[in-house]
Amino acid sequence: MPTPKRAFYGWWILLWCTIARALTAPGQTIGVSAFTDHLIDGLGITRSGLSTAYLVGTLTGAIALPAIGRWVDRAGIRKAMATVGFLFALVIVATATVQNIVMLGLAFTGLRMLGQGSLSLIAATGVSLWFDRRRGLALALSATAAIGLLSLAPLTFGALIDSVGWRWAWVIIGIGIGVLVVPMAWFGLIDRPEDIGQRPDGDVLSEGDPLPVAPISMTVSQAIRTPAFWTLGALSAMMAMTITGLTFHNTDLLAEQGLTEDEAAAIFIPQMIGSVSMGFLFGTLTDKIHARLLLPVAGALLTAGMFLATVATPGLGAVRYGLATGLGVGAISALGGALYPKWYGTAHIGSIKGVSLAIGVGASALGPLLLSVGNDIADSYEPVVLACAAVTAALTVASPFIPTPTPDKPDRAPA
């Protein structure tokens, strides 16, 4: 473990946690997508069967996240990331051995629970614990860099599969994750700034100064009784569910509007630009502007993106759709990362974000199925997408009137 230093160690925590977020790629949809066709051909299953296994694995993995969040609060980010990194590496290697759809479903459960869920949760928690006044900026920097690194996963994994085959690719990726994450967590992370005589944001304790009094924090049971938790959680869930569904059915949906397959794929460029830029902007603004002003803007952007999905046309119309959805996703993701620790403190932030993440991950698993069923019933994606836009719009209108959470039975974080 690093020795105490006067230089603020939080920037190193930010770096390690950002790398950890990027290394969740094998458990993210963007990483798994590189293996999709190979799994279908190699296991002799249908695309629907693969989608079902992915749905079941995602939902099952999401169920465990609240308990994992509570464990992170007790164990600390150092032990938690080292443990999860080791288990995640084992699951990735084990995925190379799947022989049927049942084994694949179990593999997806581990990949989604430990990668997209647990490792992402621990990384975001680590940044939240080391920053306070500049937490939004720190989370925005971490998210922006992680998104950029994650975007490299399909090409990287695809090249590896072409070189050694899909089974050995899983093995090599798993070994790489274990070699990188476990030592980085064990030797690089420190649970809290107070452990080395520092304060969040870089205020260093001088000789003779009293130990800092930790800020008031809510427990998870107190947090989930506040309207703000469910308002932000509902907006995040609508984002996860609808955007995942739109992405999953992107080619077919945009074909209804006359776009070719290449034109449909191209909308991810403005979407990525919008997501990264707005995520950084909103993450920074959470340090300076009240959530009552930011939430409705974020919700309005997401609502606009959903509506534009139903009227996208070749050319500028497709660009507007991609950019609007990216702006909405970036804004709401940034608020979800920054507002929970700002509202509820950091003593139980792992537990609180575990519940929030479980809601989002579960919603993302339902999105493709919801749009698929809606299309089967109406012979068009438009009705269900417009219904999702209407729900998001209602949440957006209500968001400015939600009271800011205040602890009624506060706990104090250990100093």
Foldseek 3Di string as FASTA:
>chain_A
DDAFDLFQLLVLLLVLLLVLLLLLLCLDPLQCVLCLVVCCVQQVHDSVLLLVLLLLLLLLLLVCLLVLLQVCLVPFLLVQQLVLLLQLLVLLLVCLVDRHSVSSSVSSNSSNNSRVGRSNLSSLLSLLQQADLQSLLSVLVSVLSSLVSSNCNSVVLNVVCVVPNNSVSSNVSSVVSNVSRNCCSNVPDDRHQVVSQAHHPNRGDDPPDDRDFFDWFAAQVQVVVAPLLVLLLVLLLLLLQAVLQCVVCQQVQCVVQVDHNVQSVVLQVLLSVLQSVLLNVLSRCVSPDDVLVLLLVLLVLCLVLLLLSNNQHGDPSSNSNSNSSSNSNSSSVSCLSPVQCVQGNSSSSSSNVSNSVSSNSSSNSCRNVQQVVVCVVPVHSPPVSNVSSVVSNVSSVCSSVRDRHDDPDTDTHDD
